[in-house]
Amino acid sequence: VIDEGPGYKVKRIEVIPGKRMSYQKHARRDEHWMVVQGVAQVTLDGRDVTVCLGEAIDIPVGAAHRIENPGPETLILIEI
C-alpha cells in the first residue's frame, strides 16, 4: 500500500513472469490499474485485454477480473 485515506487506497502490485493473480470480484469498489512496467494480460468478465506500459484499465464494481504477466520481466502496476 502506497497511500490510503477515507474512501481510497493506492497499491503497487508486482506479478512475476508467467504468474497471475486470482480471479475475483468486489461488491463495493471499482479499481483503476495503470501498468508502469511490463505488459499485463487482464481477464475482465471473461474477456482478455492486453494492457501495455503506460496504459490503464478500469475494473467496474462487481466485474470478475484477474491480471496475468505473460512477459519476461516483472509486471508492475499501480492500483487505485
Protein backbone atom coordinates (compact mmCIF):
# COMPACT_ATOMS: atom_id res chain seq x y z
CA VAL A 1 0.00 0.00 0.00
CA ILE A 2 1.47 3.33 -1.13
CA ASP A 3 -1.23 5.56 0.37
CA GLU A 4 -4.74 5.34 1.76
CA GLY A 5 -7.40 7.53 3.27
CA PRO A 6 -11.17 7.74 3.65
CA GLY A 7 -12.65 6.13 0.53
CA TYR A 8 -9.42 5.30 -1.33
CA LYS A 9 -6.31 3.11 -1.35
CA VAL A 10 -3.30 3.18 -3.71
CA LYS A 11 -1.26 -0.01 -4.17
CA ARG A 12 1.87 -1.03 -6.06
CA ILE A 13 1.42 -4.60 -7.30
CA GLU A 14 4.14 -6.82 -8.79
CA VAL A 15 3.46 -10.01 -10.76
CA ILE A 16 6.44 -12.17 -11.67
CA PRO A 17 6.76 -13.56 -15.22
CA GLY A 18 4.39 -16.42 -16.01
CA LYS A 19 2.22 -15.87 -12.90
CA ARG A 20 -1.27 -14.48 -12.36
CA MET A 21 -3.50 -13.23 -9.57
CA SER A 22 -6.70 -14.99 -8.52
CA TYR A 23 -9.95 -14.43 -10.45
CA GLN A 24 -12.09 -12.26 -8.15
CA LYS A 25 -14.95 -9.75 -7.80
CA HIS A 26 -15.52 -6.80 -5.46
CA ALA A 27 -19.07 -5.92 -4.44
CA ARG A 28 -18.34 -2.42 -3.14
CA ARG A 29 -15.42 -0.96 -5.04
CA ASP A 30 -14.12 -0.33 -8.51
CA GLU A 31 -10.42 -0.26 -9.41
CA HIS A 32 -8.20 1.63 -11.85
CA TRP A 33 -4.99 -0.15 -12.91
CA MET A 34 -2.07 1.53 -14.67
CA VAL A 35 0.86 -0.51 -15.98
CA VAL A 36 4.20 1.11 -15.12
CA GLN A 37 6.45 -1.80 -16.13
CA GLY A 38 5.89 -4.76 -18.45
CA VAL A 39 2.71 -5.91 -20.19
CA ALA A 40 -0.44 -7.17 -18.48
CA GLN A 41 -2.96 -9.70 -19.73
CA VAL A 42 -6.20 -8.74 -17.97
CA THR A 43 -9.24 -11.01 -17.87
CA LEU A 44 -12.33 -8.85 -17.33
CA ASP A 45 -15.68 -10.68 -17.14
CA GLY A 46 -14.30 -13.47 -19.34
CA ARG A 47 -12.79 -11.15 -21.98
CA ASP A 48 -8.98 -10.94 -22.36
CA VAL A 49 -7.42 -7.49 -22.76
CA THR A 50 -3.72 -6.66 -23.21
CA VAL A 51 -2.64 -3.58 -21.28
CA CYS A 52 0.79 -2.22 -22.24
CA LEU A 53 3.26 0.07 -20.50
CA GLY A 54 1.67 3.46 -19.80
CA GLU A 55 -1.86 2.22 -20.45
CA ALA A 56 -4.66 1.81 -17.92
CA ILE A 57 -7.85 -0.18 -17.48
CA ASP A 58 -10.88 0.35 -15.26
CA ILE A 59 -12.41 -2.54 -13.32
CA PRO A 60 -16.08 -1.79 -12.53
CA VAL A 61 -17.79 -2.79 -9.26
CA GLY A 62 -18.87 -6.44 -9.48
CA ALA A 63 -16.76 -7.32 -12.53
CA ALA A 64 -14.84 -10.60 -12.40
CA HIS A 65 -11.17 -9.80 -13.00
CA ARG A 66 -7.64 -11.14 -12.92
CA ILE A 67 -4.22 -9.94 -14.05
CA GLU A 68 -1.51 -12.11 -15.56
CA ASN A 69 2.10 -11.48 -16.57
CA PRO A 70 2.82 -13.15 -19.93
CA GLY A 71 6.12 -11.29 -20.43
CA PRO A 72 9.74 -11.94 -19.48
CA GLU A 73 10.05 -9.09 -16.93
CA THR A 74 8.27 -8.34 -13.68
CA LEU A 75 4.91 -6.65 -14.27
CA ILE A 76 4.33 -3.61 -12.06
CA LEU A 77 1.01 -1.85 -11.86
CA ILE A 78 -0.48 0.89 -9.72
CA GLU A 79 -3.96 0.13 -8.43
CA ILE A 80 -6.26 2.88 -7.22
